[in-house]
C-alpha atoms as a PDB file:
ATOM      1  CA  MET A   1     -42.622 -12.398 -11.442  1.00  0.00           C
ATOM      2  CA  VAL A   2     -38.911 -13.650 -11.001  1.00  0.00           C
ATOM      3  CA  ASP A   3     -36.907 -14.166  -7.791  1.00  0.00           C
ATOM      4  CA  LYS A   4     -34.380 -11.691  -9.239  1.00  0.00           C
ATOM      5  CA  PRO A   5     -31.726 -13.453  -5.780  1.00  0.00           C
ATOM      6  CA  LYS A   6     -32.833 -16.522  -6.389  1.00  0.00           C
ATOM      7  CA  LEU A   7     -31.769 -16.492  -9.874  1.00  0.00           C
ATOM      8  CA  VAL A   8     -28.415 -14.798  -9.438  1.00  0.00           C
ATOM      9  CA  ALA A   9     -27.941 -17.295  -6.245  1.00  0.00           C
ATOM     10  CA  ALA A  10     -28.623 -19.898  -9.073  1.00  0.00           C
ATOM     11  CA  LEU A  11     -26.290 -18.316 -11.318  1.00  0.00           C
ATOM     12  CA  ALA A  12     -23.538 -18.139  -9.291  1.00  0.00           C
ATOM     13  CA  LYS A  13     -22.416 -21.114  -8.919  1.00  0.00           C
ATOM     14  CA  SER A  14     -21.308 -21.913 -12.129  1.00  0.00           C
ATOM     15  CA  ILE A  15     -20.194 -18.082 -12.717  1.00  0.00           C
ATOM     16  CA  PRO A  16     -18.954 -15.070 -11.071  1.00  0.00           C
ATOM     17  CA  GLN A  17     -21.549 -13.261  -8.825  1.00  0.00           C
ATOM     18  CA  GLN A  18     -21.272 -10.043 -10.789  1.00  0.00           C
ATOM     19  CA  LEU A  19     -21.548 -11.532 -14.252  1.00  0.00           C
ATOM     20  CA  ALA A  20     -24.416 -13.588 -12.957  1.00  0.00           C
ATOM     21  CA  THR A  21     -26.107 -10.234 -11.750  1.00  0.00           C
ATOM     22  CA  ASP A  22     -24.881  -8.157 -14.780  1.00  0.00           C
ATOM     23  CA  LEU A  23     -26.525 -11.379 -17.006  1.00  0.00           C
ATOM     24  CA  VAL A  24     -29.872 -10.158 -14.779  1.00  0.00           C
ATOM     25  CA  ASP A  25     -30.622  -6.742 -14.467  1.00  0.00           C
ATOM     26  CA  ASP A  26     -29.793  -6.543 -18.463  1.00  0.00           C
ATOM     27  CA  PHE A  27     -32.031  -9.621 -19.076  1.00  0.00           C
ATOM     28  CA  LEU A  28     -35.018  -8.417 -16.395  1.00  0.00           C
ATOM     29  CA  GLN A  29     -34.578  -4.119 -18.114  1.00  0.00           C
ATOM     30  CA  LEU A  30     -34.953  -6.073 -21.899  1.00  0.00           C
ATOM     31  CA  ARG A  31     -38.297  -7.745 -20.824  1.00  0.00           C
ATOM     32  CA  GLN A  32     -39.254  -5.140 -18.944  1.00  0.00           C
ATOM     33  CA  ASP A  33     -38.583  -2.531 -21.660  1.00  0.00           C
ATOM     34  CA  VAL A  34     -40.260  -5.354 -23.932  1.00  0.00           C
ATOM     35  CA  ALA A  35     -43.134  -5.889 -22.127  1.00  0.00           C
ATOM     36  CA  THR A  36     -43.662  -1.857 -21.548  1.00  0.00           C
ATOM     37  CA  SER A  37     -42.723  -0.458 -25.403  1.00  0.00           C
ATOM     38  CA  THR A  38     -40.546   1.673 -24.189  1.00  0.00           C
ATOM     39  CA  LEU A  39     -37.720  -0.396 -26.248  1.00  0.00           C
ATOM     40  CA  GLY A  40     -34.610   1.944 -26.174  1.00  0.00           C
ATOM     41  CA  ARG A  41     -33.581   1.930 -22.201  1.00  0.00           C
ATOM     42  CA  ALA A  42     -31.737  -1.444 -21.920  1.00  0.00           C
ATOM     43  CA  SER A  43     -29.281  -2.255 -23.777  1.00  0.00           C
ATOM     44  CA  GLY A  44     -28.924  -6.096 -26.016  1.00  0.00           C
ATOM     45  CA  GLY A  45     -25.270  -5.907 -26.895  1.00  0.00           C
ATOM     46  CA  LYS A  46     -24.493  -5.340 -22.658  1.00  0.00           C
ATOM     47  CA  ILE A  47     -26.046  -8.291 -22.567  1.00  0.00           C
ATOM     48  CA  ILE A  48     -24.194 -10.249 -25.785  1.00  0.00           C
ATOM     49  CA  GLU A  49     -20.289  -8.854 -24.448  1.00  0.00           C
ATOM     50  CA  THR A  50     -21.310 -10.171 -20.681  1.00  0.00           C
ATOM     51  CA  VAL A  51     -22.175 -13.721 -22.340  1.00  0.00           C
ATOM     52  CA  VAL A  52     -18.805 -13.731 -24.205  1.00  0.00           C
ATOM     53  CA  GLN A  53     -17.038 -13.372 -20.283  1.00  0.00           C
ATOM     54  CA  ILE A  54     -19.445 -15.416 -18.592  1.00  0.00           C
ATOM     55  CA  LEU A  55     -18.612 -18.232 -21.981  1.00  0.00           C
ATOM     56  CA  GLN A  56     -14.521 -16.494 -21.630  1.00  0.00           C
ATOM     57  CA  GLN A  57     -14.750 -17.625 -17.902  1.00  0.00           C
ATOM     58  CA  LEU A  58     -16.310 -21.047 -18.249  1.00  0.00           C
ATOM     59  CA  GLU A  59     -13.331 -22.439 -21.157  1.00  0.00           C
ATOM     60  CA  SER A  60     -10.062 -20.359 -18.940  1.00  0.00           C
ATOM     61  CA  GLY A  61     -10.970 -19.337 -15.409  1.00  0.00           C
ATOM     62  CA  LYS A  62     -10.828 -15.727 -16.561  1.00  0.00           C
ATOM     63  CA  HIS A  63     -12.863 -13.305 -18.431  1.00  0.00           C
ATOM     64  CA  ASP A  64     -11.711  -9.368 -20.518  1.00  0.00           C
ATOM     65  CA  ALA A  65     -13.179  -6.512 -18.861  1.00  0.00           C
ATOM     66  CA  LYS A  66     -14.153  -5.459 -22.851  1.00  0.00           C
ATOM     67  CA  PRO A  67     -14.018  -8.353 -24.748  1.00  0.00           C
ATOM     68  CA  ASN A  68     -12.977  -8.231 -28.451  1.00  0.00           C
ATOM     69  CA  VAL A  69     -17.200  -9.397 -29.226  1.00  0.00           C
ATOM     70  CA  ASP A  70     -17.410 -10.627 -32.384  1.00  0.00           C
ATOM     71  CA  GLY A  71     -13.701 -11.604 -32.721  1.00  0.00           C
ATOM     72  CA  TYR A  72     -14.627 -14.533 -29.497  1.00  0.00           C
ATOM     73  CA  LEU A  73     -17.686 -15.288 -31.219  1.00  0.00           C
ATOM     74  CA  LEU A  74     -17.220 -15.543 -34.844  1.00  0.00           C
ATOM     75  CA  GLN A  75     -14.084 -18.028 -33.100  1.00  0.00           C
ATOM     76  CA  VAL A  76     -15.952 -19.353 -30.518  1.00  0.00           C
ATOM     77  CA  GLU A  77     -17.912 -22.840 -32.069  1.00  0.00           C
ATOM     78  CA  ASN A  78     -13.564 -23.858 -32.699  1.00  0.00           C
ATOM     79  CA  LYS A  79     -13.332 -23.689 -29.050  1.00  0.00           C
ATOM     80  CA  THR A  80     -12.516 -26.746 -27.034  1.00  0.00           C
ATOM     81  CA  THR A  81     -13.109 -26.233 -23.758  1.00  0.00           C
ATOM     82  CA  LEU A  82     -16.961 -25.192 -24.035  1.00  0.00           C
ATOM     83  CA  ASP A  83     -20.007 -27.576 -24.215  1.00  0.00           C
ATOM     84  CA  GLU A  84     -20.679 -28.451 -27.437  1.00  0.00           C
ATOM     85  CA  GLY A  85     -24.397 -27.816 -27.706  1.00  0.00           C
ATOM     86  CA  PHE A  86     -24.683 -24.171 -25.604  1.00  0.00           C
ATOM     87  CA  ALA A  87     -21.508 -22.903 -27.857  1.00  0.00           C
ATOM     88  CA  HIS A  88     -23.341 -23.783 -30.842  1.00  0.00           C
ATOM     89  CA  LEU A  89     -26.814 -23.514 -29.695  1.00  0.00           C
ATOM     90  CA  CYS A  90     -26.530 -19.596 -28.874  1.00  0.00           C
ATOM     91  CA  CYS A  91     -23.418 -17.018 -30.053  1.00  0.00           C
ATOM     92  CA  PRO A  92     -23.704 -18.416 -33.819  1.00  0.00           C
ATOM     93  CA  ALA A  93     -27.366 -16.348 -33.218  1.00  0.00           C
ATOM     94  CA  CYS A  94     -26.070 -13.953 -31.480  1.00  0.00           C
ATOM     95  CA  ALA A  95     -22.141 -13.342 -34.188  1.00  0.00           C
END
């Protein structure tokens, strides 16, 4: 069982608390939906939006409330301020 408060606290060391909470909440809902075969309640798109917001935060110290997800993901490999392995491994699969 995932300890939600501990996971959020660990993530919040590197990203804003609200983004950490959003990511964990959405992930846990998606995980529950898959485990119970009740797909449709969670939104994979919201998780990707939160990942983009996290990348924006890591890159510039701020993030858009409603990011242009497609536009950002298409250009993420050219972002020199992001950890190359993370950006190259995670984001092209999302786009």
